[in-house]
Amino acid sequence: MTNRERKAKSLPYHYDDPSIMGKQLTYMELLYDYNNTRPLEHEKKQKLLKEMFAEIGDGCHIETPLHANWGCHNVYFGKGIYCNFNLCFVDDTEIYVGDHCMIGPNVVISTSGHPILPILREHNYVYNIPVHIGNNVWIGSGVQILPGVTIGDNSVIGAGSVVPNDIPPNVIALGVPCRVLREIGEKDREYYYKEMKLDVWE
């Protein structure tokens, strides 16, 4: 089995195999152009995003700087997504993000890891497992999402969390490692932050 085939099956492979690199540097050039746009160059930004991403829906806004191993070539975005500054995609394989998500500053979403066994790291082995994020998810600042994780629709991931395992839909989860704190429910219809009451229903 070739390294390319092993990579496609999420098996450990040699990341230093030249045949795997393909157009990676070309994709990085597009990312470089995006990060060097001016704040008011909205049309240029949108054009570049369409070229950079595997798929991206309407109404997405991504603050610069943005970082990505493959220049977002393996990232699939829905519509209406907002990403704050310094987002990092380790997009050696697919990352899927649903509609109307919000991603805070300094978030890392990684599909890539290295085997624990030292001899394998010494010989440049790596593995890649896709990440799936549902619709209307809010990912707080400084969150780290690890390979293979799925986050369900509507869930909130608290700031500074490290997410090594799947998170179900409709929950608040936080911590290191990230764990479910509670379900989203009636309390959240009354309070928007701590004991601060919502008035949008009036």
N, C-alpha and C. Protein backbone atom coordinates (compact mmCIF):
# COMPACT_ATOMS: atom_id res chain seq x y z
N MET A 1 0.84 -1.19 0.00
CA MET A 1 0.00 0.00 0.00
C MET A 1 0.88 1.25 0.00
N THR A 2 0.58 2.21 -0.87
CA THR A 2 1.38 3.43 -0.93
C THR A 2 1.04 4.35 0.23
N ASN A 3 1.90 5.34 0.46
CA ASN A 3 1.62 6.31 1.51
C ASN A 3 0.35 7.10 1.21
N ARG A 4 0.09 7.40 -0.05
CA ARG A 4 -1.13 8.11 -0.44
C ARG A 4 -2.37 7.28 -0.08
N GLU A 5 -2.31 5.98 -0.36
CA GLU A 5 -3.42 5.09 -0.02
C GLU A 5 -3.60 4.96 1.48
N ARG A 6 -2.48 4.87 2.20
CA ARG A 6 -2.56 4.79 3.66
C ARG A 6 -3.17 6.06 4.24
N LYS A 7 -2.77 7.20 3.71
CA LYS A 7 -3.32 8.48 4.17
C LYS A 7 -4.84 8.52 3.97
N ALA A 8 -5.31 8.07 2.81
CA ALA A 8 -6.74 8.09 2.50
C ALA A 8 -7.54 7.20 3.44
N LYS A 9 -6.92 6.18 4.01
CA LYS A 9 -7.60 5.25 4.92
C LYS A 9 -7.39 5.62 6.40
N SER A 10 -6.82 6.79 6.67
CA SER A 10 -6.52 7.25 8.03
C SER A 10 -5.53 6.34 8.75
N LEU A 11 -4.68 5.66 7.98
CA LEU A 11 -3.62 4.83 8.55
C LEU A 11 -2.34 5.65 8.70
N PRO A 12 -1.45 5.26 9.63
CA PRO A 12 -0.17 5.96 9.72
C PRO A 12 0.60 5.86 8.40
N TYR A 13 1.18 6.99 7.99
CA TYR A 13 1.94 7.05 6.73
C TYR A 13 3.13 7.98 6.91
N HIS A 14 4.06 7.92 5.97
CA HIS A 14 5.24 8.79 5.99
C HIS A 14 4.88 10.16 5.43
N TYR A 15 4.91 11.18 6.27
CA TYR A 15 4.54 12.52 5.78
C TYR A 15 5.60 13.13 4.88
N ASP A 16 6.81 12.57 4.87
CA ASP A 16 7.89 13.13 4.05
C ASP A 16 7.94 12.52 2.65
N ASP A 17 6.91 11.79 2.24
CA ASP A 17 6.84 11.22 0.90
C ASP A 17 6.51 12.35 -0.08
N PRO A 18 7.40 12.68 -1.02
CA PRO A 18 7.16 13.81 -1.95
C PRO A 18 5.90 13.66 -2.79
N SER A 19 5.46 12.41 -3.03
CA SER A 19 4.29 12.21 -3.87
C SER A 19 3.00 12.69 -3.20
N ILE A 20 3.03 12.87 -1.89
CA ILE A 20 1.84 13.31 -1.16
C ILE A 20 1.65 14.82 -1.22
N MET A 21 2.72 15.54 -1.41
CA MET A 21 2.67 17.00 -1.30
C MET A 21 1.77 17.63 -2.36
N GLY A 22 1.81 17.15 -3.60
CA GLY A 22 0.94 17.66 -4.65
C GLY A 22 1.03 19.17 -4.79
N LYS A 23 -0.13 19.84 -4.75
CA LYS A 23 -0.20 21.29 -4.94
C LYS A 23 -0.26 22.04 -3.61
N GLN A 24 0.24 21.44 -2.56
CA GLN A 24 0.14 22.07 -1.24
C GLN A 24 0.67 23.50 -1.24
N LEU A 25 1.83 23.71 -1.84
CA LEU A 25 2.42 25.05 -1.83
C LEU A 25 1.59 26.04 -2.65
N THR A 26 0.95 25.56 -3.70
CA THR A 26 0.07 26.42 -4.50
C THR A 26 -1.11 26.88 -3.65
N TYR A 27 -1.69 25.95 -2.88
CA TYR A 27 -2.79 26.31 -1.98
C TYR A 27 -2.33 27.29 -0.91
N MET A 28 -1.12 27.11 -0.45
CA MET A 28 -0.58 28.02 0.56
C MET A 28 -0.38 29.43 -0.02
N GLU A 29 -0.07 29.52 -1.30
CA GLU A 29 0.06 30.82 -1.95
C GLU A 29 -1.26 31.59 -1.90
N LEU A 30 -2.38 30.88 -2.15
CA LEU A 30 -3.69 31.53 -2.08
C LEU A 30 -3.98 32.01 -0.66
N LEU A 31 -3.63 31.19 0.32
CA LEU A 31 -3.81 31.58 1.72
C LEU A 31 -2.97 32.81 2.05
N TYR A 32 -1.76 32.85 1.54
CA TYR A 32 -0.90 34.03 1.74
C TYR A 32 -1.58 35.28 1.18
N ASP A 33 -2.15 35.15 -0.03
CA ASP A 33 -2.85 36.29 -0.64
C ASP A 33 -4.02 36.74 0.22
N TYR A 34 -4.76 35.76 0.76
CA TYR A 34 -5.92 36.10 1.60
C TYR A 34 -5.48 36.85 2.85
N ASN A 35 -4.43 36.38 3.49
CA ASN A 35 -3.95 37.01 4.72
C ASN A 35 -3.37 38.40 4.48
N ASN A 36 -3.10 38.73 3.24
CA ASN A 36 -2.54 40.05 2.93
C ASN A 36 -3.56 40.98 2.27
N THR A 37 -4.84 40.61 2.32
CA THR A 37 -5.88 41.52 1.87
C THR A 37 -6.08 42.63 2.89
N ARG A 38 -6.60 43.76 2.40
CA ARG A 38 -6.91 44.88 3.28
C ARG A 38 -8.32 44.71 3.85
N PRO A 39 -8.61 45.33 4.99
CA PRO A 39 -9.91 45.13 5.64
C PRO A 39 -11.12 45.44 4.76
N LEU A 40 -11.02 46.40 3.85
CA LEU A 40 -12.16 46.79 3.03
C LEU A 40 -12.24 46.03 1.70
N GLU A 41 -11.34 45.11 1.47
CA GLU A 41 -11.34 44.39 0.18
C GLU A 41 -12.29 43.18 0.25
N HIS A 42 -13.57 43.45 0.46
CA HIS A 42 -14.56 42.39 0.69
C HIS A 42 -14.69 41.46 -0.52
N GLU A 43 -14.79 42.02 -1.71
CA GLU A 43 -14.99 41.21 -2.91
C GLU A 43 -13.77 40.31 -3.17
N LYS A 44 -12.58 40.87 -2.98
CA LYS A 44 -11.36 40.08 -3.17
C LYS A 44 -11.31 38.94 -2.17
N LYS A 45 -11.67 39.22 -0.91
CA LYS A 45 -11.68 38.17 0.12
C LYS A 45 -12.63 37.04 -0.26
N GLN A 46 -13.84 37.39 -0.71
CA GLN A 46 -14.82 36.36 -1.05
C GLN A 46 -14.36 35.52 -2.24
N LYS A 47 -13.75 36.17 -3.21
CA LYS A 47 -13.23 35.44 -4.38
C LYS A 47 -12.15 34.45 -3.97
N LEU A 48 -11.25 34.90 -3.11
CA LEU A 48 -10.17 34.02 -2.64
C LEU A 48 -10.71 32.85 -1.82
N LEU A 49 -11.70 33.12 -0.96
CA LEU A 49 -12.27 32.03 -0.16
C LEU A 49 -12.86 30.95 -1.06
N LYS A 50 -13.54 31.35 -2.13
CA LYS A 50 -14.12 30.36 -3.06
C LYS A 50 -13.02 29.52 -3.72
N GLU A 51 -11.87 30.12 -3.98
CA GLU A 51 -10.75 29.39 -4.59
C GLU A 51 -10.04 28.52 -3.56
N MET A 52 -9.96 28.96 -2.33
CA MET A 52 -9.19 28.27 -1.29
C MET A 52 -9.89 27.03 -0.75
N PHE A 53 -11.18 27.16 -0.45
CA PHE A 53 -11.91 26.10 0.26
C PHE A 53 -12.38 25.01 -0.69
N ALA A 54 -12.50 23.79 -0.15
CA ALA A 54 -13.12 22.72 -0.93
C ALA A 54 -14.55 23.10 -1.27
N GLU A 55 -15.28 23.63 -0.27
CA GLU A 55 -16.61 24.20 -0.46
C GLU A 55 -16.79 25.29 0.58
N ILE A 56 -17.50 26.35 0.21
CA ILE A 56 -17.82 27.39 1.19
C ILE A 56 -19.12 28.05 0.77
N GLY A 57 -20.07 28.15 1.72
CA GLY A 57 -21.37 28.74 1.44
C GLY A 57 -21.35 30.25 1.49
N ASP A 58 -22.50 30.84 1.25
CA ASP A 58 -22.64 32.29 1.25
C ASP A 58 -22.60 32.84 2.67
N GLY A 59 -22.18 34.09 2.77
CA GLY A 59 -22.24 34.80 4.04
C GLY A 59 -21.21 34.39 5.05
N CYS A 60 -20.10 33.81 4.62
CA CYS A 60 -19.02 33.43 5.56
C CYS A 60 -18.00 34.55 5.67
N HIS A 61 -17.53 34.79 6.88
CA HIS A 61 -16.53 35.83 7.12
C HIS A 61 -15.43 35.24 7.99
N ILE A 62 -14.19 35.37 7.53
CA ILE A 62 -13.05 34.83 8.28
C ILE A 62 -12.02 35.94 8.47
N GLU A 63 -11.79 36.29 9.73
CA GLU A 63 -10.79 37.32 10.03
C GLU A 63 -9.39 36.80 9.71
N THR A 64 -8.51 37.72 9.35
CA THR A 64 -7.11 37.38 9.17
C THR A 64 -6.34 37.74 10.45
N PRO A 65 -5.25 36.99 10.75
CA PRO A 65 -4.68 35.92 9.94
C PRO A 65 -5.41 34.59 10.12
N LEU A 66 -5.40 33.82 9.05
CA LEU A 66 -5.92 32.45 9.02
C LEU A 66 -4.76 31.54 8.68
N HIS A 67 -4.68 30.39 9.35
CA HIS A 67 -3.58 29.44 9.10
C HIS A 67 -4.17 28.09 8.71
N ALA A 68 -3.52 27.41 7.76
CA ALA A 68 -3.99 26.09 7.35
C ALA A 68 -2.87 25.36 6.61
N ASN A 69 -2.63 24.11 7.01
CA ASN A 69 -1.57 23.30 6.39
C ASN A 69 -1.71 23.21 4.88
N TRP A 70 -2.96 23.04 4.44
CA TRP A 70 -3.25 22.89 3.01
C TRP A 70 -4.04 24.07 2.49
N GLY A 71 -3.90 25.22 3.13
CA GLY A 71 -4.54 26.43 2.63
C GLY A 71 -6.04 26.36 2.58
N CYS A 72 -6.67 25.52 3.41
CA CYS A 72 -8.12 25.30 3.47
C CYS A 72 -8.64 24.46 2.31
N HIS A 73 -7.76 23.85 1.55
CA HIS A 73 -8.17 23.04 0.40
C HIS A 73 -9.02 21.84 0.81
N ASN A 74 -8.88 21.39 2.05
CA ASN A 74 -9.64 20.23 2.54
C ASN A 74 -10.74 20.61 3.53
N VAL A 75 -11.13 21.90 3.52
CA VAL A 75 -12.12 22.39 4.47
C VAL A 75 -13.44 22.66 3.75
N TYR A 76 -14.54 22.15 4.34
CA TYR A 76 -15.88 22.29 3.79
C TYR A 76 -16.71 23.14 4.74
N PHE A 77 -17.11 24.32 4.30
CA PHE A 77 -17.90 25.25 5.12
C PHE A 77 -19.33 25.33 4.60
N GLY A 78 -20.28 25.39 5.54
CA GLY A 78 -21.65 25.72 5.18
C GLY A 78 -21.79 27.22 4.97
N LYS A 79 -22.97 27.76 5.23
CA LYS A 79 -23.23 29.18 5.03
C LYS A 79 -23.29 29.91 6.37
N GLY A 80 -23.06 31.23 6.30
CA GLY A 80 -23.24 32.08 7.46
C GLY A 80 -22.30 31.80 8.61
N ILE A 81 -21.06 31.42 8.32
CA ILE A 81 -20.09 31.09 9.36
C ILE A 81 -19.19 32.30 9.64
N TYR A 82 -18.95 32.57 10.92
CA TYR A 82 -18.02 33.62 11.31
C TYR A 82 -16.85 33.01 12.07
N CYS A 83 -15.64 33.37 11.66
CA CYS A 83 -14.40 32.90 12.31
C CYS A 83 -13.58 34.10 12.74
N ASN A 84 -13.19 34.13 14.00
CA ASN A 84 -12.40 35.23 14.52
C ASN A 84 -10.91 35.02 14.20
N PHE A 85 -10.09 35.95 14.70
CA PHE A 85 -8.67 36.00 14.36
C PHE A 85 -7.91 34.74 14.75
N ASN A 86 -6.93 34.41 13.92
CA ASN A 86 -5.90 33.42 14.26
C ASN A 86 -6.44 31.99 14.33
N LEU A 87 -7.44 31.70 13.52
CA LEU A 87 -7.93 30.33 13.39
C LEU A 87 -6.87 29.48 12.68
N CYS A 88 -6.67 28.26 13.17
CA CYS A 88 -5.68 27.35 12.58
C CYS A 88 -6.35 26.03 12.22
N PHE A 89 -6.33 25.70 10.94
CA PHE A 89 -6.78 24.40 10.46
C PHE A 89 -5.57 23.53 10.16
N VAL A 90 -5.46 22.39 10.81
CA VAL A 90 -4.49 21.38 10.39
C VAL A 90 -5.29 20.46 9.47
N ASP A 91 -5.39 20.89 8.22
CA ASP A 91 -6.35 20.30 7.27
C ASP A 91 -5.66 19.31 6.32
N ASP A 92 -4.92 18.37 6.89
CA ASP A 92 -4.29 17.34 6.06
C ASP A 92 -5.33 16.37 5.50
N THR A 93 -6.51 16.33 6.11
CA THR A 93 -7.66 15.65 5.54
C THR A 93 -8.88 16.52 5.83
N GLU A 94 -10.08 16.01 5.61
CA GLU A 94 -11.27 16.85 5.57
C GLU A 94 -11.70 17.39 6.95
N ILE A 95 -12.12 18.66 6.93
CA ILE A 95 -12.78 19.31 8.06
C ILE A 95 -14.12 19.82 7.54
N TYR A 96 -15.20 19.43 8.21
CA TYR A 96 -16.55 19.83 7.81
C TYR A 96 -17.16 20.70 8.90
N VAL A 97 -17.65 21.89 8.52
CA VAL A 97 -18.27 22.82 9.47
C VAL A 97 -19.64 23.20 8.91
N GLY A 98 -20.69 23.01 9.73
CA GLY A 98 -22.06 23.26 9.28
C GLY A 98 -22.43 24.73 9.25
N ASP A 99 -23.67 25.00 8.90
CA ASP A 99 -24.18 26.36 8.74
C ASP A 99 -24.21 27.12 10.07
N HIS A 100 -24.01 28.43 9.97
CA HIS A 100 -24.23 29.39 11.07
C HIS A 100 -23.39 29.10 12.31
N CYS A 101 -22.20 28.56 12.11
CA CYS A 101 -21.29 28.34 13.24
C CYS A 101 -20.52 29.61 13.56
N MET A 102 -20.08 29.72 14.81
CA MET A 102 -19.18 30.80 15.23
C MET A 102 -17.94 30.17 15.85
N ILE A 103 -16.78 30.66 15.41
CA ILE A 103 -15.51 30.13 15.90
C ILE A 103 -14.71 31.30 16.47
N GLY A 104 -14.36 31.21 17.75
CA GLY A 104 -13.66 32.29 18.43
C GLY A 104 -12.20 32.41 18.02
N PRO A 105 -11.50 33.40 18.59
CA PRO A 105 -10.09 33.60 18.25
C PRO A 105 -9.21 32.48 18.80
N ASN A 106 -8.10 32.26 18.10
CA ASN A 106 -7.05 31.33 18.55
C ASN A 106 -7.54 29.88 18.70
N VAL A 107 -8.43 29.47 17.82
CA VAL A 107 -8.93 28.09 17.81
C VAL A 107 -8.07 27.25 16.88
N VAL A 108 -7.80 26.00 17.27
CA VAL A 108 -7.10 25.03 16.43
C VAL A 108 -8.03 23.85 16.17
N ILE A 109 -8.24 23.53 14.90
CA ILE A 109 -9.00 22.35 14.51
C ILE A 109 -8.05 21.45 13.73
N SER A 110 -7.69 20.32 14.34
CA SER A 110 -6.62 19.49 13.80
C SER A 110 -7.13 18.12 13.38
N THR A 111 -6.79 17.72 12.16
CA THR A 111 -7.08 16.36 11.69
C THR A 111 -5.87 15.45 11.82
N SER A 112 -4.76 15.98 12.26
CA SER A 112 -3.49 15.26 12.17
C SER A 112 -2.90 14.97 13.54
N GLY A 113 -2.31 13.79 13.70
CA GLY A 113 -1.62 13.43 14.91
C GLY A 113 -0.44 12.52 14.60
N HIS A 114 0.35 12.25 15.61
CA HIS A 114 1.52 11.37 15.47
C HIS A 114 1.38 10.19 16.43
N PRO A 115 1.81 9.02 16.02
CA PRO A 115 1.73 7.85 16.92
C PRO A 115 2.49 8.10 18.22
N ILE A 116 2.00 7.50 19.28
CA ILE A 116 2.66 7.63 20.59
C ILE A 116 3.99 6.89 20.60
N LEU A 117 4.08 5.74 19.91
CA LEU A 117 5.30 4.93 19.92
C LEU A 117 6.47 5.74 19.36
N PRO A 118 7.55 5.96 20.15
CA PRO A 118 8.63 6.86 19.73
C PRO A 118 9.28 6.46 18.41
N ILE A 119 9.47 5.17 18.15
CA ILE A 119 10.17 4.76 16.94
C ILE A 119 9.41 5.17 15.68
N LEU A 120 8.06 5.22 15.79
CA LEU A 120 7.26 5.63 14.63
C LEU A 120 7.40 7.13 14.36
N ARG A 121 7.45 7.92 15.41
CA ARG A 121 7.67 9.36 15.22
C ARG A 121 9.05 9.62 14.65
N GLU A 122 10.02 8.83 15.11
CA GLU A 122 11.39 8.98 14.61
C GLU A 122 11.46 8.73 13.10
N HIS A 123 10.55 7.88 12.60
CA HIS A 123 10.53 7.55 11.18
C HIS A 123 9.43 8.32 10.43
N ASN A 124 9.03 9.45 10.99
CA ASN A 124 8.16 10.42 10.28
C ASN A 124 6.78 9.88 9.95
N TYR A 125 6.19 9.13 10.88
CA TYR A 125 4.82 8.67 10.67
C TYR A 125 3.83 9.70 11.22
N VAL A 126 2.71 9.82 10.53
CA VAL A 126 1.62 10.71 10.91
C VAL A 126 0.32 10.03 10.52
N TYR A 127 -0.79 10.47 11.09
CA TYR A 127 -2.10 9.97 10.65
C TYR A 127 -3.06 11.15 10.59
N ASN A 128 -4.11 11.03 9.78
CA ASN A 128 -5.11 12.09 9.60
C ASN A 128 -6.51 11.49 9.71
N ILE A 129 -7.36 12.10 10.52
CA ILE A 129 -8.74 11.63 10.69
C ILE A 129 -9.66 12.86 10.58
N PRO A 130 -10.70 12.79 9.74
CA PRO A 130 -11.58 13.96 9.54
C PRO A 130 -12.26 14.44 10.81
N VAL A 131 -12.59 15.73 10.83
CA VAL A 131 -13.34 16.37 11.92
C VAL A 131 -14.67 16.85 11.35
N HIS A 132 -15.76 16.66 12.13
CA HIS A 132 -17.10 17.08 11.72
C HIS A 132 -17.70 17.99 12.80
N ILE A 133 -18.10 19.18 12.40
CA ILE A 133 -18.75 20.13 13.30
C ILE A 133 -20.13 20.43 12.72
N GLY A 134 -21.19 20.27 13.54
CA GLY A 134 -22.56 20.40 13.05
C GLY A 134 -22.98 21.84 12.81
N ASN A 135 -24.28 22.04 12.64
CA ASN A 135 -24.86 23.36 12.41
C ASN A 135 -24.98 24.14 13.71
N ASN A 136 -24.79 25.46 13.60
CA ASN A 136 -25.08 26.39 14.70
C ASN A 136 -24.27 26.07 15.95
N VAL A 137 -23.04 25.64 15.77
CA VAL A 137 -22.13 25.36 16.89
C VAL A 137 -21.33 26.63 17.20
N TRP A 138 -21.14 26.90 18.49
CA TRP A 138 -20.28 28.01 18.92
C TRP A 138 -19.07 27.40 19.61
N ILE A 139 -17.90 27.71 19.05
CA ILE A 139 -16.63 27.24 19.59
C ILE A 139 -15.92 28.44 20.21
N GLY A 140 -15.72 28.41 21.52
CA GLY A 140 -15.14 29.54 22.23
C GLY A 140 -13.66 29.72 21.94
N SER A 141 -13.12 30.84 22.40
CA SER A 141 -11.73 31.19 22.12
C SER A 141 -10.76 30.17 22.71
N GLY A 142 -9.69 29.92 21.99
CA GLY A 142 -8.62 29.07 22.47
C GLY A 142 -8.93 27.59 22.52
N VAL A 143 -10.01 27.14 21.88
CA VAL A 143 -10.37 25.72 21.88
C VAL A 143 -9.45 24.94 20.95
N GLN A 144 -9.13 23.72 21.36
CA GLN A 144 -8.34 22.79 20.54
C GLN A 144 -9.22 21.57 20.25
N ILE A 145 -9.50 21.33 18.97
CA ILE A 145 -10.31 20.19 18.55
C ILE A 145 -9.39 19.18 17.88
N LEU A 146 -9.37 17.95 18.38
CA LEU A 146 -8.40 16.95 17.97
C LEU A 146 -8.95 16.04 16.86
N PRO A 147 -8.07 15.25 16.22
CA PRO A 147 -8.48 14.43 15.07
C PRO A 147 -9.65 13.50 15.38
N GLY A 148 -10.55 13.38 14.41
CA GLY A 148 -11.63 12.42 14.48
C GLY A 148 -12.84 12.85 15.28
N VAL A 149 -12.83 14.06 15.83
CA VAL A 149 -13.92 14.52 16.69
C VAL A 149 -15.14 14.93 15.86
N THR A 150 -16.33 14.62 16.39
CA THR A 150 -17.59 15.13 15.86
C THR A 150 -18.28 15.94 16.96
N ILE A 151 -18.74 17.15 16.61
CA ILE A 151 -19.49 18.00 17.54
C ILE A 151 -20.89 18.18 16.98
N GLY A 152 -21.91 17.85 17.78
CA GLY A 152 -23.28 17.86 17.33
C GLY A 152 -23.86 19.26 17.17
N ASP A 153 -24.99 19.36 16.45
CA ASP A 153 -25.68 20.62 16.18
C ASP A 153 -25.97 21.39 17.47
N ASN A 154 -25.83 22.71 17.37
CA ASN A 154 -26.26 23.68 18.41
C ASN A 154 -25.41 23.68 19.67
N SER A 155 -24.41 22.84 19.77
CA SER A 155 -23.64 22.77 21.01
C SER A 155 -22.67 23.94 21.14
N VAL A 156 -22.28 24.21 22.38
CA VAL A 156 -21.33 25.27 22.71
C VAL A 156 -20.12 24.62 23.37
N ILE A 157 -18.93 24.97 22.86
CA ILE A 157 -17.68 24.48 23.45
C ILE A 157 -17.02 25.65 24.17
N GLY A 158 -16.87 25.53 25.49
CA GLY A 158 -16.35 26.62 26.31
C GLY A 158 -14.91 26.97 26.00
N ALA A 159 -14.58 28.23 26.21
CA ALA A 159 -13.24 28.75 25.92
C ALA A 159 -12.16 27.93 26.61
N GLY A 160 -11.07 27.71 25.89
CA GLY A 160 -9.91 27.02 26.44
C GLY A 160 -10.03 25.52 26.51
N SER A 161 -11.10 24.95 26.00
CA SER A 161 -11.30 23.50 26.08
C SER A 161 -10.40 22.75 25.10
N VAL A 162 -10.06 21.52 25.49
CA VAL A 162 -9.39 20.58 24.59
C VAL A 162 -10.37 19.45 24.34
N VAL A 163 -10.72 19.24 23.06
CA VAL A 163 -11.81 18.31 22.70
C VAL A 163 -11.22 17.07 22.04
N PRO A 164 -11.00 15.97 22.81
CA PRO A 164 -10.44 14.75 22.24
C PRO A 164 -11.49 13.74 21.80
N ASN A 165 -12.76 13.94 22.26
CA ASN A 165 -13.83 12.97 22.00
C ASN A 165 -15.07 13.68 21.48
N ASP A 166 -16.00 12.90 20.92
CA ASP A 166 -17.22 13.45 20.36
C ASP A 166 -18.05 14.17 21.42
N ILE A 167 -18.75 15.23 20.97
CA ILE A 167 -19.67 15.98 21.82
C ILE A 167 -21.06 15.89 21.18
N PRO A 168 -22.09 15.53 21.96
CA PRO A 168 -23.42 15.37 21.38
C PRO A 168 -24.05 16.73 21.03
N PRO A 169 -25.19 16.73 20.34
CA PRO A 169 -25.87 17.98 20.04
C PRO A 169 -26.54 18.59 21.27
N ASN A 170 -26.77 19.92 21.19
CA ASN A 170 -27.61 20.64 22.16
C ASN A 170 -27.08 20.60 23.59
N VAL A 171 -25.75 20.72 23.74
CA VAL A 171 -25.16 20.75 25.08
C VAL A 171 -24.13 21.87 25.18
N ILE A 172 -23.83 22.23 26.43
CA ILE A 172 -22.65 23.04 26.74
C ILE A 172 -21.59 22.09 27.25
N ALA A 173 -20.40 22.16 26.66
CA ALA A 173 -19.29 21.30 27.05
C ALA A 173 -18.04 22.16 27.22
N LEU A 174 -17.22 21.79 28.20
CA LEU A 174 -16.01 22.59 28.44
C LEU A 174 -15.01 21.77 29.24
N GLY A 175 -13.78 22.28 29.29
CA GLY A 175 -12.76 21.70 30.15
C GLY A 175 -11.65 21.01 29.39
N VAL A 176 -10.70 20.52 30.18
CA VAL A 176 -9.54 19.78 29.66
C VAL A 176 -9.43 18.48 30.44
N PRO A 177 -9.86 17.35 29.87
CA PRO A 177 -10.48 17.24 28.54
C PRO A 177 -11.92 17.74 28.57
N CYS A 178 -12.44 18.10 27.41
CA CYS A 178 -13.78 18.66 27.30
C CYS A 178 -14.83 17.62 27.66
N ARG A 179 -15.76 18.01 28.55
CA ARG A 179 -16.86 17.13 28.96
C ARG A 179 -18.16 17.92 28.96
N VAL A 180 -19.26 17.21 28.79
CA VAL A 180 -20.57 17.85 28.80
C VAL A 180 -20.87 18.40 30.20
N LEU A 181 -21.22 19.68 30.27
CA LEU A 181 -21.61 20.32 31.52
C LEU A 181 -23.12 20.16 31.75
N ARG A 182 -23.90 20.47 30.71
CA ARG A 182 -25.35 20.36 30.82
C ARG A 182 -25.96 20.49 29.43
N GLU A 183 -27.24 20.17 29.34
CA GLU A 183 -27.98 20.37 28.10
C GLU A 183 -28.41 21.83 28.00
N ILE A 184 -28.56 22.31 26.78
CA ILE A 184 -29.14 23.63 26.54
C ILE A 184 -30.65 23.51 26.73
N GLY A 185 -31.25 24.42 27.55
CA GLY A 185 -32.67 24.26 27.87
C GLY A 185 -33.34 25.55 28.26
N GLU A 186 -34.33 25.44 29.15
CA GLU A 186 -35.18 26.58 29.52
C GLU A 186 -34.40 27.71 30.18
N LYS A 187 -33.38 27.37 30.96
CA LYS A 187 -32.58 28.42 31.60
C LYS A 187 -32.00 29.37 30.55
N ASP A 188 -31.64 28.81 29.38
CA ASP A 188 -31.01 29.62 28.34
C ASP A 188 -32.00 30.51 27.59
N ARG A 189 -33.30 30.27 27.80
CA ARG A 189 -34.31 31.17 27.28
C ARG A 189 -34.50 32.38 28.20
N GLU A 190 -34.04 32.25 29.46
CA GLU A 190 -34.21 33.33 30.43
C GLU A 190 -32.94 34.14 30.66
N TYR A 191 -31.77 33.46 30.61
CA TYR A 191 -30.50 34.14 30.88
C TYR A 191 -29.55 33.96 29.70
N TYR A 192 -28.91 35.06 29.28
CA TYR A 192 -27.95 34.97 28.18
C TYR A 192 -26.51 34.83 28.66
N TYR A 193 -26.22 35.27 29.90
CA TYR A 193 -24.87 35.13 30.46
C TYR A 193 -24.96 35.22 31.97
N LYS A 194 -24.52 34.15 32.64
CA LYS A 194 -24.60 34.07 34.10
C LYS A 194 -26.02 34.43 34.55
N GLU A 195 -26.21 35.47 35.37
CA GLU A 195 -27.54 35.83 35.84
C GLU A 195 -28.11 37.04 35.11
N MET A 196 -27.61 37.31 33.91
CA MET A 196 -28.10 38.44 33.11
C MET A 196 -29.28 37.99 32.26
N LYS A 197 -30.44 38.64 32.47
CA LYS A 197 -31.68 38.18 31.85
C LYS A 197 -31.82 38.65 30.41
N LEU A 198 -32.38 37.76 29.62
CA LEU A 198 -32.70 38.10 28.23
C LEU A 198 -33.91 39.00 28.18
N ASP A 199 -33.88 39.97 27.26
CA ASP A 199 -35.04 40.82 27.05
C ASP A 199 -35.56 40.76 25.61
N VAL A 200 -35.01 39.85 24.81
CA VAL A 200 -35.38 39.81 23.39
C VAL A 200 -36.79 39.29 23.18
N TRP A 201 -37.37 38.63 24.21
CA TRP A 201 -38.73 38.10 24.06
C TRP A 201 -39.78 39.17 24.34
N GLU A 202 -39.37 40.30 24.94
CA GLU A 202 -40.35 41.34 25.33
C GLU A 202 -40.86 42.12 24.11
